[in-house]
Amino acid sequence: VGWTIGASVAFSIARRYGLPLVIRLVGERRAVDFRDRVPRTNLFASVILLRMLVPVDLLSYALGLFTDMSWRSYVVATALGVAPFGFYFAYAGTLPLWYQFLAVAIALVFATVIALRYFRRAK
């Protein structure tokens, strides 16, 4: 919930105050670099996938600035994208170390397969 709220605040800041404030927060170079990497198609699914791979506020700022995604859709996609990691981090500490490593390896393979399939199809 905290990740989703934080990301939503960053998204809202970008929408409300625009590029000048975001440049002060993250730097002009980083903001411009992300502008060119923001997905243009399948935005909802892209946000879910990107949240699994890139859980940083810079992504929230970029999506707030450079997309026309609604706030509600953004919040839902973000919550869906961060939920697997939230669940893992909340309960993985109770597992034996070997299971923790195995779970991370499986998650990385799973995320890689999904990302490759998604981005190949998007081209």
PDB file of N, CA and C in Angstrom:
ATOM      1  N   VAL A   1       0.840  -1.193   0.000  1.00  0.00           N
ATOM      2  CA  VAL A   1       0.000   0.000   0.000  1.00  0.00           C
ATOM      3  C   VAL A   1       0.883   1.255   0.000  1.00  0.00           C
ATOM      4  N   GLY A   2       1.957   1.206   0.791  1.00  0.00           N
ATOM      5  CA  GLY A   2       2.859   2.358   0.856  1.00  0.00           C
ATOM      6  C   GLY A   2       3.518   2.664  -0.482  1.00  0.00           C
ATOM      7  N   TRP A   3       3.937   1.617  -1.194  1.00  0.00           N
ATOM      8  CA  TRP A   3       4.539   1.833  -2.519  1.00  0.00           C
ATOM      9  C   TRP A   3       3.538   2.454  -3.477  1.00  0.00           C
ATOM     10  N   THR A   4       2.306   1.989  -3.417  1.00  0.00           N
ATOM     11  CA  THR A   4       1.279   2.513  -4.315  1.00  0.00           C
ATOM     12  C   THR A   4       0.963   3.971  -3.986  1.00  0.00           C
ATOM     13  N   ILE A   5       0.870   4.289  -2.706  1.00  0.00           N
ATOM     14  CA  ILE A   5       0.602   5.676  -2.313  1.00  0.00           C
ATOM     15  C   ILE A   5       1.751   6.586  -2.731  1.00  0.00           C
ATOM     16  N   GLY A   6       2.983   6.162  -2.458  1.00  0.00           N
ATOM     17  CA  GLY A   6       4.143   6.970  -2.842  1.00  0.00           C
ATOM     18  C   GLY A   6       4.220   7.192  -4.340  1.00  0.00           C
ATOM     19  N   ALA A   7       3.990   6.138  -5.113  1.00  0.00           N
ATOM     20  CA  ALA A   7       4.016   6.261  -6.567  1.00  0.00           C
ATOM     21  C   ALA A   7       2.889   7.175  -7.054  1.00  0.00           C
ATOM     22  N   SER A   8       1.733   7.083  -6.433  1.00  0.00           N
ATOM     23  CA  SER A   8       0.595   7.922  -6.819  1.00  0.00           C
ATOM     24  C   SER A   8       0.851   9.392  -6.515  1.00  0.00           C
ATOM     25  N   VAL A   9       1.529   9.650  -5.411  1.00  0.00           N
ATOM     26  CA  VAL A   9       1.890  11.037  -5.083  1.00  0.00           C
ATOM     27  C   VAL A   9       2.847  11.590  -6.130  1.00  0.00           C
ATOM     28  N   ALA A  10       3.853  10.808  -6.504  1.00  0.00           N
ATOM     29  CA  ALA A  10       4.807  11.251  -7.531  1.00  0.00           C
ATOM     30  C   ALA A  10       4.092  11.484  -8.865  1.00  0.00           C
ATOM     31  N   PHE A  11       3.194  10.595  -9.243  1.00  0.00           N
ATOM     32  CA  PHE A  11       2.404  10.743 -10.471  1.00  0.00           C
ATOM     33  C   PHE A  11       1.594  12.034 -10.426  1.00  0.00           C
ATOM     34  N   SER A  12       0.947  12.281  -9.287  1.00  0.00           N
ATOM     35  CA  SER A  12       0.114  13.481  -9.136  1.00  0.00           C
ATOM     36  C   SER A  12       0.946  14.757  -9.151  1.00  0.00           C
ATOM     37  N   ILE A  13       2.114  14.735  -8.532  1.00  0.00           N
ATOM     38  CA  ILE A  13       3.003  15.901  -8.560  1.00  0.00           C
ATOM     39  C   ILE A  13       3.373  16.236  -9.994  1.00  0.00           C
ATOM     40  N   ALA A  14       3.727  15.207 -10.764  1.00  0.00           N
ATOM     41  CA  ALA A  14       4.090  15.439 -12.162  1.00  0.00           C
ATOM     42  C   ALA A  14       2.918  16.017 -12.946  1.00  0.00           C
ATOM     43  N   ARG A  15       1.727  15.493 -12.707  1.00  0.00           N
ATOM     44  CA  ARG A  15       0.552  16.002 -13.412  1.00  0.00           C
ATOM     45  C   ARG A  15       0.229  17.439 -13.033  1.00  0.00           C
ATOM     46  N   ARG A  16       0.326  17.747 -11.761  1.00  0.00           N
ATOM     47  CA  ARG A  16      -0.081  19.068 -11.281  1.00  0.00           C
ATOM     48  C   ARG A  16       0.954  20.152 -11.565  1.00  0.00           C
ATOM     49  N   TYR A  17       2.225  19.842 -11.296  1.00  0.00           N
ATOM     50  CA  TYR A  17       3.253  20.880 -11.374  1.00  0.00           C
ATOM     51  C   TYR A  17       4.122  20.797 -12.615  1.00  0.00           C
ATOM     52  N   GLY A  18       4.061  19.703 -13.336  1.00  0.00           N
ATOM     53  CA  GLY A  18       4.709  19.599 -14.627  1.00  0.00           C
ATOM     54  C   GLY A  18       6.213  19.430 -14.614  1.00  0.00           C
ATOM     55  N   LEU A  19       6.776  19.608 -15.780  1.00  0.00           N
ATOM     56  CA  LEU A  19       8.186  19.344 -16.028  1.00  0.00           C
ATOM     57  C   LEU A  19       9.151  20.178 -15.196  1.00  0.00           C
ATOM     58  N   PRO A  20       8.912  21.467 -14.965  1.00  0.00           N
ATOM     59  CA  PRO A  20       9.886  22.236 -14.187  1.00  0.00           C
ATOM     60  C   PRO A  20      10.159  21.651 -12.794  1.00  0.00           C
ATOM     61  N   LEU A  21       9.125  21.244 -12.087  1.00  0.00           N
ATOM     62  CA  LEU A  21       9.340  20.678 -10.757  1.00  0.00           C
ATOM     63  C   LEU A  21       9.992  19.305 -10.841  1.00  0.00           C
ATOM     64  N   VAL A  22       9.573  18.496 -11.785  1.00  0.00           N
ATOM     65  CA  VAL A  22      10.166  17.165 -11.926  1.00  0.00           C
ATOM     66  C   VAL A  22      11.651  17.283 -12.258  1.00  0.00           C
ATOM     67  N   ILE A  23      12.013  18.224 -13.081  1.00  0.00           N
ATOM     68  CA  ILE A  23      13.434  18.430 -13.401  1.00  0.00           C
ATOM     69  C   ILE A  23      14.200  18.791 -12.143  1.00  0.00           C
ATOM     70  N   ARG A  24      13.610  19.602 -11.282  1.00  0.00           N
ATOM     71  CA  ARG A  24      14.292  19.931 -10.023  1.00  0.00           C
ATOM     72  C   ARG A  24      14.423  18.715  -9.113  1.00  0.00           C
ATOM     73  N   LEU A  25      13.456  17.795  -9.160  1.00  0.00           N
ATOM     74  CA  LEU A  25      13.479  16.620  -8.297  1.00  0.00           C
ATOM     75  C   LEU A  25      14.414  15.528  -8.807  1.00  0.00           C
ATOM     76  N   VAL A  26      14.418  15.278 -10.109  1.00  0.00           N
ATOM     77  CA  VAL A  26      15.186  14.144 -10.644  1.00  0.00           C
ATOM     78  C   VAL A  26      16.283  14.539 -11.621  1.00  0.00           C
ATOM     79  N   GLY A  27      16.305  15.772 -12.055  1.00  0.00           N
ATOM     80  CA  GLY A  27      17.309  16.212 -13.014  1.00  0.00           C
ATOM     81  C   GLY A  27      16.775  16.173 -14.434  1.00  0.00           C
ATOM     82  N   GLU A  28      17.246  17.113 -15.234  1.00  0.00           N
ATOM     83  CA  GLU A  28      16.742  17.236 -16.604  1.00  0.00           C
ATOM     84  C   GLU A  28      17.117  16.031 -17.461  1.00  0.00           C
ATOM     85  N   ARG A  29      18.337  15.573 -17.339  1.00  0.00           N
ATOM     86  CA  ARG A  29      18.800  14.461 -18.164  1.00  0.00           C
ATOM     87  C   ARG A  29      17.961  13.200 -17.925  1.00  0.00           C
ATOM     88  N   ARG A  30      17.706  12.891 -16.663  1.00  0.00           N
ATOM     89  CA  ARG A  30      16.932  11.700 -16.342  1.00  0.00           C
ATOM     90  C   ARG A  30      15.484  11.828 -16.817  1.00  0.00           C
ATOM     91  N   ALA A  31      14.919  13.010 -16.681  1.00  0.00           N
ATOM     92  CA  ALA A  31      13.530  13.210 -17.118  1.00  0.00           C
ATOM     93  C   ALA A  31      13.411  13.059 -18.631  1.00  0.00           C
ATOM     94  N   VAL A  32      14.344  13.642 -19.368  1.00  0.00           N
ATOM     95  CA  VAL A  32      14.307  13.559 -20.823  1.00  0.00           C
ATOM     96  C   VAL A  32      14.580  12.129 -21.291  1.00  0.00           C
ATOM     97  N   ASP A  33      15.517  11.446 -20.642  1.00  0.00           N
ATOM     98  CA  ASP A  33      15.801  10.048 -20.997  1.00  0.00           C
ATOM     99  C   ASP A  33      14.562   9.185 -20.826  1.00  0.00           C
ATOM    100  N   PHE A  34      13.832   9.395 -19.759  1.00  0.00           N
ATOM    101  CA  PHE A  34      12.648   8.581 -19.509  1.00  0.00           C
ATOM    102  C   PHE A  34      11.516   8.924 -20.470  1.00  0.00           C
ATOM    103  N   ARG A  35      11.461  10.160 -20.934  1.00  0.00           N
ATOM    104  CA  ARG A  35      10.407  10.553 -21.879  1.00  0.00           C
ATOM    105  C   ARG A  35      10.426   9.660 -23.116  1.00  0.00           C
ATOM    106  N   ASP A  36      11.616   9.353 -23.579  1.00  0.00           N
ATOM    107  CA  ASP A  36      11.740   8.536 -24.784  1.00  0.00           C
ATOM    108  C   ASP A  36      11.457   7.059 -24.533  1.00  0.00           C
ATOM    109  N   ARG A  37      11.434   6.638 -23.291  1.00  0.00           N
ATOM    110  CA  ARG A  37      11.226   5.230 -22.957  1.00  0.00           C
ATOM    111  C   ARG A  37       9.813   4.910 -22.477  1.00  0.00           C
ATOM    112  N   VAL A  38       8.998   5.908 -22.324  1.00  0.00           N
ATOM    113  CA  VAL A  38       7.622   5.681 -21.857  1.00  0.00           C
ATOM    114  C   VAL A  38       6.856   4.955 -22.953  1.00  0.00           C
ATOM    115  N   PRO A  39       6.207   3.847 -22.612  1.00  0.00           N
ATOM    116  CA  PRO A  39       5.451   3.094 -23.620  1.00  0.00           C
ATOM    117  C   PRO A  39       4.285   3.906 -24.171  1.00  0.00           C
ATOM    118  N   ARG A  40       4.007   3.707 -25.429  1.00  0.00           N
ATOM    119  CA  ARG A  40       2.911   4.427 -26.085  1.00  0.00           C
ATOM    120  C   ARG A  40       1.686   3.541 -26.309  1.00  0.00           C
ATOM    121  N   THR A  41       1.887   2.223 -26.331  1.00  0.00           N
ATOM    122  CA  THR A  41       0.776   1.298 -26.552  1.00  0.00           C
ATOM    123  C   THR A  41       0.654   0.373 -25.348  1.00  0.00           C
ATOM    124  N   ASN A  42      -0.524  -0.182 -25.159  1.00  0.00           N
ATOM    125  CA  ASN A  42      -0.782  -1.105 -24.050  1.00  0.00           C
ATOM    126  C   ASN A  42      -0.292  -0.517 -22.725  1.00  0.00           C
ATOM    127  N   LEU A  43      -0.676   0.693 -22.460  1.00  0.00           N
ATOM    128  CA  LEU A  43      -0.132   1.423 -21.320  1.00  0.00           C
ATOM    129  C   LEU A  43      -0.444   0.758 -19.983  1.00  0.00           C
ATOM    130  N   PHE A  44      -1.661   0.274 -19.797  1.00  0.00           N
ATOM    131  CA  PHE A  44      -2.035  -0.344 -18.527  1.00  0.00           C
ATOM    132  C   PHE A  44      -1.159  -1.563 -18.248  1.00  0.00           C
ATOM    133  N   ALA A  45      -1.052  -2.460 -19.216  1.00  0.00           N
ATOM    134  CA  ALA A  45      -0.218  -3.657 -19.051  1.00  0.00           C
ATOM    135  C   ALA A  45       1.251  -3.280 -18.915  1.00  0.00           C
ATOM    136  N   SER A  46       1.680  -2.262 -19.625  1.00  0.00           N
ATOM    137  CA  SER A  46       3.074  -1.813 -19.529  1.00  0.00           C
ATOM    138  C   SER A  46       3.400  -1.313 -18.129  1.00  0.00           C
ATOM    139  N   VAL A  47       2.482  -0.584 -17.526  1.00  0.00           N
ATOM    140  CA  VAL A  47       2.715  -0.071 -16.172  1.00  0.00           C
ATOM    141  C   VAL A  47       2.810  -1.226 -15.181  1.00  0.00           C
ATOM    142  N   ILE A  48       1.944  -2.221 -15.306  1.00  0.00           N
ATOM    143  CA  ILE A  48       2.029  -3.383 -14.414  1.00  0.00           C
ATOM    144  C   ILE A  48       3.397  -4.039 -14.551  1.00  0.00           C
ATOM    145  N   LEU A  49       3.814  -4.289 -15.775  1.00  0.00           N
ATOM    146  CA  LEU A  49       5.098  -4.939 -16.012  1.00  0.00           C
ATOM    147  C   LEU A  49       6.259  -4.067 -15.543  1.00  0.00           C
ATOM    148  N   LEU A  50       6.228  -2.795 -15.862  1.00  0.00           N
ATOM    149  CA  LEU A  50       7.311  -1.904 -15.448  1.00  0.00           C
ATOM    150  C   LEU A  50       7.397  -1.797 -13.932  1.00  0.00           C
ATOM    151  N   ARG A  51       6.274  -1.817 -13.253  1.00  0.00           N
ATOM    152  CA  ARG A  51       6.287  -1.770 -11.787  1.00  0.00           C
ATOM    153  C   ARG A  51       6.966  -2.996 -11.209  1.00  0.00           C
ATOM    154  N   MET A  52       6.847  -4.128 -11.892  1.00  0.00           N
ATOM    155  CA  MET A  52       7.527  -5.330 -11.424  1.00  0.00           C
ATOM    156  C   MET A  52       9.029  -5.241 -11.658  1.00  0.00           C
ATOM    157  N   LEU A  53       9.412  -4.507 -12.692  1.00  0.00           N
ATOM    158  CA  LEU A  53      10.821  -4.454 -13.066  1.00  0.00           C
ATOM    159  C   LEU A  53      11.520  -3.183 -12.593  1.00  0.00           C
ATOM    160  N   VAL A  54      10.788  -2.070 -12.532  1.00  0.00           N
ATOM    161  CA  VAL A  54      11.386  -0.771 -12.216  1.00  0.00           C
ATOM    162  C   VAL A  54      10.553  -0.063 -11.157  1.00  0.00           C
ATOM    163  N   PRO A  55      10.624  -0.483  -9.905  1.00  0.00           N
ATOM    164  CA  PRO A  55       9.786   0.164  -8.885  1.00  0.00           C
ATOM    165  C   PRO A  55      10.434   1.433  -8.326  1.00  0.00           C
ATOM    166  N   VAL A  56      10.505   2.479  -9.127  1.00  0.00           N
ATOM    167  CA  VAL A  56      11.110   3.734  -8.684  1.00  0.00           C
ATOM    168  C   VAL A  56      10.167   4.895  -8.967  1.00  0.00           C
ATOM    169  N   ASP A  57      10.353   5.984  -8.225  1.00  0.00           N
ATOM    170  CA  ASP A  57       9.501   7.155  -8.414  1.00  0.00           C
ATOM    171  C   ASP A  57       9.737   7.840  -9.752  1.00  0.00           C
ATOM    172  N   LEU A  58      10.934   7.681 -10.314  1.00  0.00           N
ATOM    173  CA  LEU A  58      11.203   8.283 -11.611  1.00  0.00           C
ATOM    174  C   LEU A  58      10.192   7.808 -12.650  1.00  0.00           C
ATOM    175  N   LEU A  59       9.836   6.553 -12.602  1.00  0.00           N
ATOM    176  CA  LEU A  59       8.820   6.014 -13.512  1.00  0.00           C
ATOM    177  C   LEU A  59       7.481   6.718 -13.282  1.00  0.00           C
ATOM    178  N   SER A  60       7.127   6.955 -12.036  1.00  0.00           N
ATOM    179  CA  SER A  60       5.867   7.636 -11.725  1.00  0.00           C
ATOM    180  C   SER A  60       5.854   9.054 -12.281  1.00  0.00           C
ATOM    181  N   TYR A  61       6.957   9.770 -12.107  1.00  0.00           N
ATOM    182  CA  TYR A  61       7.049  11.125 -12.659  1.00  0.00           C
ATOM    183  C   TYR A  61       6.909  11.095 -14.179  1.00  0.00           C
ATOM    184  N   ALA A  62       7.625  10.171 -14.816  1.00  0.00           N
ATOM    185  CA  ALA A  62       7.590  10.093 -16.278  1.00  0.00           C
ATOM    186  C   ALA A  62       6.188   9.766 -16.788  1.00  0.00           C
ATOM    187  N   LEU A  63       5.524   8.826 -16.143  1.00  0.00           N
ATOM    188  CA  LEU A  63       4.178   8.475 -16.574  1.00  0.00           C
ATOM    189  C   LEU A  63       3.198   9.622 -16.330  1.00  0.00           C
ATOM    190  N   GLY A  64       3.392  10.364 -15.252  1.00  0.00           N
ATOM    191  CA  GLY A  64       2.541  11.518 -14.993  1.00  0.00           C
ATOM    192  C   GLY A  64       2.739  12.629 -16.001  1.00  0.00           C
ATOM    193  N   LEU A  65       3.966  12.787 -16.460  1.00  0.00           N
ATOM    194  CA  LEU A  65       4.279  13.856 -17.410  1.00  0.00           C
ATOM    195  C   LEU A  65       3.950  13.501 -18.854  1.00  0.00           C
ATOM    196  N   PHE A  66       4.313  12.303 -19.259  1.00  0.00           N
ATOM    197  CA  PHE A  66       4.359  11.995 -20.679  1.00  0.00           C
ATOM    198  C   PHE A  66       3.275  11.044 -21.175  1.00  0.00           C
ATOM    199  N   THR A  67       2.265  10.770 -20.350  1.00  0.00           N
ATOM    200  CA  THR A  67       1.155   9.927 -20.809  1.00  0.00           C
ATOM    201  C   THR A  67      -0.163  10.627 -20.509  1.00  0.00           C
ATOM    202  N   ASP A  68      -1.209  10.099 -21.116  1.00  0.00           N
ATOM    203  CA  ASP A  68      -2.549  10.610 -20.822  1.00  0.00           C
ATOM    204  C   ASP A  68      -3.336   9.609 -19.977  1.00  0.00           C
ATOM    205  N   MET A  69      -2.621   8.714 -19.305  1.00  0.00           N
ATOM    206  CA  MET A  69      -3.247   7.695 -18.463  1.00  0.00           C
ATOM    207  C   MET A  69      -3.996   8.372 -17.311  1.00  0.00           C
ATOM    208  N   SER A  70      -5.175   7.869 -17.017  1.00  0.00           N
ATOM    209  CA  SER A  70      -5.937   8.446 -15.913  1.00  0.00           C
ATOM    210  C   SER A  70      -5.304   8.054 -14.576  1.00  0.00           C
ATOM    211  N   TRP A  71      -5.547   8.869 -13.566  1.00  0.00           N
ATOM    212  CA  TRP A  71      -4.987   8.600 -12.243  1.00  0.00           C
ATOM    213  C   TRP A  71      -5.499   7.268 -11.709  1.00  0.00           C
ATOM    214  N   ARG A  72      -6.766   7.003 -11.898  1.00  0.00           N
ATOM    215  CA  ARG A  72      -7.369   5.761 -11.406  1.00  0.00           C
ATOM    216  C   ARG A  72      -6.726   4.535 -12.062  1.00  0.00           C
ATOM    217  N   SER A  73      -6.554   4.565 -13.377  1.00  0.00           N
ATOM    218  CA  SER A  73      -5.914   3.443 -14.071  1.00  0.00           C
ATOM    219  C   SER A  73      -4.477   3.273 -13.607  1.00  0.00           C
ATOM    220  N   TYR A  74      -3.793   4.395 -13.412  1.00  0.00           N
ATOM    221  CA  TYR A  74      -2.412   4.344 -12.949  1.00  0.00           C
ATOM    222  C   TYR A  74      -2.319   3.691 -11.566  1.00  0.00           C
ATOM    223  N   VAL A  75      -3.205   4.064 -10.659  1.00  0.00           N
ATOM    224  CA  VAL A  75      -3.178   3.505  -9.305  1.00  0.00           C
ATOM    225  C   VAL A  75      -3.448   2.000  -9.335  1.00  0.00           C
ATOM    226  N   VAL A  76      -4.425   1.582 -10.117  1.00  0.00           N
ATOM    227  CA  VAL A  76      -4.747   0.154 -10.199  1.00  0.00           C
ATOM    228  C   VAL A  76      -3.581  -0.626 -10.801  1.00  0.00           C
ATOM    229  N   ALA A  77      -3.016  -0.131 -11.898  1.00  0.00           N
ATOM    230  CA  ALA A  77      -1.880  -0.810 -12.534  1.00  0.00           C
ATOM    231  C   ALA A  77      -0.676  -0.864 -11.599  1.00  0.00           C
ATOM    232  N   THR A  78      -0.422   0.214 -10.882  1.00  0.00           N
ATOM    233  CA  THR A  78       0.694   0.242  -9.940  1.00  0.00           C
ATOM    234  C   THR A  78       0.470  -0.750  -8.803  1.00  0.00           C
ATOM    235  N   ALA A  79      -0.727  -0.779  -8.263  1.00  0.00           N
ATOM    236  CA  ALA A  79      -1.022  -1.712  -7.173  1.00  0.00           C
ATOM    237  C   ALA A  79      -0.848  -3.160  -7.637  1.00  0.00           C
ATOM    238  N   LEU A  80      -1.301  -3.462  -8.840  1.00  0.00           N
ATOM    239  CA  LEU A  80      -1.134  -4.815  -9.371  1.00  0.00           C
ATOM    240  C   LEU A  80       0.340  -5.143  -9.618  1.00  0.00           C
ATOM    241  N   GLY A  81       1.101  -4.145 -10.031  1.00  0.00           N
ATOM    242  CA  GLY A  81       2.514  -4.370 -10.320  1.00  0.00           C
ATOM    243  C   GLY A  81       3.381  -4.545  -9.086  1.00  0.00           C
ATOM    244  N   VAL A  82       3.071  -3.858  -8.011  1.00  0.00           N
ATOM    245  CA  VAL A  82       3.899  -3.966  -6.802  1.00  0.00           C
ATOM    246  C   VAL A  82       3.414  -5.038  -5.845  1.00  0.00           C
ATOM    247  N   ALA A  83       2.214  -5.553  -6.045  1.00  0.00           N
ATOM    248  CA  ALA A  83       1.655  -6.553  -5.121  1.00  0.00           C
ATOM    249  C   ALA A  83       2.513  -7.815  -4.994  1.00  0.00           C
ATOM    250  N   PRO A  84       3.021  -8.384  -6.094  1.00  0.00           N
ATOM    251  CA  PRO A  84       3.839  -9.597  -5.918  1.00  0.00           C
ATOM    252  C   PRO A  84       5.070  -9.366  -5.037  1.00  0.00           C
ATOM    253  N   PHE A  85       5.739  -8.232  -5.226  1.00  0.00           N
ATOM    254  CA  PHE A  85       6.918  -7.945  -4.406  1.00  0.00           C
ATOM    255  C   PHE A  85       6.537  -7.653  -2.964  1.00  0.00           C
ATOM    256  N   GLY A  86       5.437  -6.956  -2.776  1.00  0.00           N
ATOM    257  CA  GLY A  86       4.972  -6.695  -1.418  1.00  0.00           C
ATOM    258  C   GLY A  86       4.667  -7.982  -0.678  1.00  0.00           C
ATOM    259  N   PHE A  87       3.988  -8.882  -1.360  1.00  0.00           N
ATOM    260  CA  PHE A  87       3.678 -10.179  -0.763  1.00  0.00           C
ATOM    261  C   PHE A  87       4.962 -10.943  -0.458  1.00  0.00           C
ATOM    262  N   TYR A  88       5.870 -10.964  -1.408  1.00  0.00           N
ATOM    263  CA  TYR A  88       7.123 -11.690  -1.212  1.00  0.00           C
ATOM    264  C   TYR A  88       7.916 -11.118  -0.031  1.00  0.00           C
ATOM    265  N   PHE A  89       8.097  -9.818  -0.003  1.00  0.00           N
ATOM    266  CA  PHE A  89       8.890  -9.208   1.070  1.00  0.00           C
ATOM    267  C   PHE A  89       8.233  -9.369   2.430  1.00  0.00           C
ATOM    268  N   ALA A  90       6.916  -9.415   2.455  1.00  0.00           N
ATOM    269  CA  ALA A  90       6.218  -9.566   3.732  1.00  0.00           C
ATOM    270  C   ALA A  90       6.367 -10.969   4.301  1.00  0.00           C
ATOM    271  N   TYR A  91       6.415 -11.982   3.437  1.00  0.00           N
ATOM    272  CA  TYR A  91       6.392 -13.361   3.930  1.00  0.00           C
ATOM    273  C   TYR A  91       7.684 -14.141   3.690  1.00  0.00           C
ATOM    274  N   ALA A  92       8.576 -13.657   2.873  1.00  0.00           N
ATOM    275  CA  ALA A  92       9.787 -14.414   2.552  1.00  0.00           C
ATOM    276  C   ALA A  92      10.718 -14.570   3.750  1.00  0.00           C
ATOM    277  N   GLY A  93      10.712 -13.629   4.633  1.00  0.00           N
ATOM    278  CA  GLY A  93      11.595 -13.699   5.794  1.00  0.00           C
ATOM    279  C   GLY A  93      11.299 -14.875   6.706  1.00  0.00           C
ATOM    280  N   THR A  94      10.117 -15.431   6.600  1.00  0.00           N
ATOM    281  CA  THR A  94       9.764 -16.571   7.437  1.00  0.00           C
ATOM    282  C   THR A  94      10.173 -17.900   6.805  1.00  0.00           C
ATOM    283  N   LEU A  95      10.603 -17.863   5.552  1.00  0.00           N
ATOM    284  CA  LEU A  95      11.001 -19.082   4.848  1.00  0.00           C
ATOM    285  C   LEU A  95      12.469 -19.396   5.095  1.00  0.00           C
ATOM    286  N   PRO A  96      12.858 -20.665   4.993  1.00  0.00           N
ATOM    287  CA  PRO A  96      14.280 -20.995   5.057  1.00  0.00           C
ATOM    288  C   PRO A  96      15.033 -20.311   3.911  1.00  0.00           C
ATOM    289  N   LEU A  97      16.303 -20.054   4.107  1.00  0.00           N
ATOM    290  CA  LEU A  97      17.114 -19.307   3.141  1.00  0.00           C
ATOM    291  C   LEU A  97      17.087 -19.941   1.755  1.00  0.00           C
ATOM    292  N   TRP A  98      17.168 -21.255   1.689  1.00  0.00           N
ATOM    293  CA  TRP A  98      17.150 -21.936   0.390  1.00  0.00           C
ATOM    294  C   TRP A  98      15.867 -21.617  -0.376  1.00  0.00           C
ATOM    295  N   TYR A  99      14.725 -21.617   0.279  1.00  0.00           N
ATOM    296  CA  TYR A  99      13.456 -21.299  -0.369  1.00  0.00           C
ATOM    297  C   TYR A  99      13.405 -19.834  -0.811  1.00  0.00           C
ATOM    298  N   GLN A 100      14.031 -18.975  -0.059  1.00  0.00           N
ATOM    299  CA  GLN A 100      14.076 -17.561  -0.441  1.00  0.00           C
ATOM    300  C   GLN A 100      14.830 -17.391  -1.753  1.00  0.00           C
ATOM    301  N   PHE A 101      15.998 -18.029  -1.861  1.00  0.00           N
ATOM    302  CA  PHE A 101      16.772 -17.951  -3.101  1.00  0.00           C
ATOM    303  C   PHE A 101      16.000 -18.566  -4.265  1.00  0.00           C
ATOM    304  N   LEU A 102      15.365 -19.678  -4.027  1.00  0.00           N
ATOM    305  CA  LEU A 102      14.592 -20.343  -5.065  1.00  0.00           C
ATOM    306  C   LEU A 102      13.428 -19.458  -5.524  1.00  0.00           C
ATOM    307  N   ALA A 103      12.758 -18.833  -4.590  1.00  0.00           N
ATOM    308  CA  ALA A 103      11.637 -17.951  -4.934  1.00  0.00           C
ATOM    309  C   ALA A 103      12.099 -16.760  -5.767  1.00  0.00           C
ATOM    310  N   VAL A 104      13.237 -16.180  -5.413  1.00  0.00           N
ATOM    311  CA  VAL A 104      13.771 -15.051  -6.188  1.00  0.00           C
ATOM    312  C   VAL A 104      14.143 -15.511  -7.590  1.00  0.00           C
ATOM    313  N   ALA A 105      14.788 -16.668  -7.704  1.00  0.00           N
ATOM    314  CA  ALA A 105      15.178 -17.179  -9.022  1.00  0.00           C
ATOM    315  C   ALA A 105      13.955 -17.438  -9.892  1.00  0.00           C
ATOM    316  N   ILE A 106      12.941 -18.048  -9.336  1.00  0.00           N
ATOM    317  CA  ILE A 106      11.711 -18.320 -10.090  1.00  0.00           C
ATOM    318  C   ILE A 106      11.050 -17.010 -10.514  1.00  0.00           C
ATOM    319  N   ALA A 107      11.004 -16.049  -9.615  1.00  0.00           N
ATOM    320  CA  ALA A 107      10.391 -14.757  -9.935  1.00  0.00           C
ATOM    321  C   ALA A 107      11.154 -14.050 -11.055  1.00  0.00           C
ATOM    322  N   LEU A 108      12.476 -14.094 -11.023  1.00  0.00           N
ATOM    323  CA  LEU A 108      13.275 -13.454 -12.076  1.00  0.00           C
ATOM    324  C   LEU A 108      13.058 -14.130 -13.428  1.00  0.00           C
ATOM    325  N   VAL A 109      13.024 -15.445 -13.439  1.00  0.00           N
ATOM    326  CA  VAL A 109      12.773 -16.164 -14.690  1.00  0.00           C
ATOM    327  C   VAL A 109      11.376 -15.823 -15.199  1.00  0.00           C
ATOM    328  N   PHE A 110      10.403 -15.846 -14.330  1.00  0.00           N
ATOM    329  CA  PHE A 110       9.028 -15.540 -14.696  1.00  0.00           C
ATOM    330  C   PHE A 110       8.911 -14.120 -15.268  1.00  0.00           C
ATOM    331  N   ALA A 111       9.497 -13.151 -14.595  1.00  0.00           N
ATOM    332  CA  ALA A 111       9.444 -11.755 -15.055  1.00  0.00           C
ATOM    333  C   ALA A 111      10.160 -11.594 -16.390  1.00  0.00           C
ATOM    334  N   THR A 112      11.276 -12.275 -16.569  1.00  0.00           N
ATOM    335  CA  THR A 112      12.019 -12.182 -17.825  1.00  0.00           C
ATOM    336  C   THR A 112      11.211 -12.755 -18.979  1.00  0.00           C
ATOM    337  N   VAL A 113      10.589 -13.909 -18.775  1.00  0.00           N
ATOM    338  CA  VAL A 113       9.774 -14.530 -19.823  1.00  0.00           C
ATOM    339  C   VAL A 113       8.600 -13.623 -20.192  1.00  0.00           C
ATOM    340  N   ILE A 114       7.938 -13.084 -19.199  1.00  0.00           N
ATOM    341  CA  ILE A 114       6.804 -12.190 -19.469  1.00  0.00           C
ATOM    342  C   ILE A 114       7.270 -10.943 -20.207  1.00  0.00           C
ATOM    343  N   ALA A 115       8.366 -10.350 -19.760  1.00  0.00           N
ATOM    344  CA  ALA A 115       8.873  -9.134 -20.396  1.00  0.00           C
ATOM    345  C   ALA A 115       9.259  -9.399 -21.851  1.00  0.00           C
ATOM    346  N   LEU A 116       9.949 -10.488 -22.093  1.00  0.00           N
ATOM    347  CA  LEU A 116      10.357 -10.803 -23.466  1.00  0.00           C
ATOM    348  C   LEU A 116       9.148 -11.034 -24.362  1.00  0.00           C
ATOM    349  N   ARG A 117       8.185 -11.773 -23.895  1.00  0.00           N
ATOM    350  CA  ARG A 117       6.975 -12.013 -24.688  1.00  0.00           C
ATOM    351  C   ARG A 117       6.205 -10.726 -24.943  1.00  0.00           C
ATOM    352  N   TYR A 118       6.077  -9.926 -23.915  1.00  0.00           N
ATOM    353  CA  TYR A 118       5.306  -8.695 -24.040  1.00  0.00           C
ATOM    354  C   TYR A 118       5.970  -7.726 -25.013  1.00  0.00           C
ATOM    355  N   PHE A 119       7.263  -7.514 -24.851  1.00  0.00           N
ATOM    356  CA  PHE A 119       7.936  -6.531 -25.691  1.00  0.00           C
ATOM    357  C   PHE A 119       8.137  -7.022 -27.112  1.00  0.00           C
ATOM    358  N   ARG A 120       8.222  -8.308 -27.316  1.00  0.00           N
ATOM    359  CA  ARG A 120       8.278  -8.829 -28.692  1.00  0.00           C
ATOM    360  C   ARG A 120       6.946  -8.611 -29.382  1.00  0.00           C
ATOM    361  N   ARG A 121       5.854  -8.843 -28.658  1.00  0.00           N
ATOM    362  CA  ARG A 121       4.526  -8.670 -29.211  1.00  0.00           C
ATOM    363  C   ARG A 121       4.228  -7.190 -29.459  1.00  0.00           C
ATOM    364  N   ALA A 122       4.757  -6.305 -28.642  1.00  0.00           N
ATOM    365  CA  ALA A 122       4.485  -4.873 -28.760  1.00  0.00           C
ATOM    366  C   ALA A 122       5.165  -4.265 -29.989  1.00  0.00           C
ATOM    367  N   LYS A 123       6.213  -4.895 -30.482  1.00  0.00           N
ATOM    368  CA  LYS A 123       6.937  -4.345 -31.646  1.00  0.00           C
ATOM    369  C   LYS A 123       6.157  -4.557 -32.860  1.00  0.00           C
TER     370      LYS A 123
END
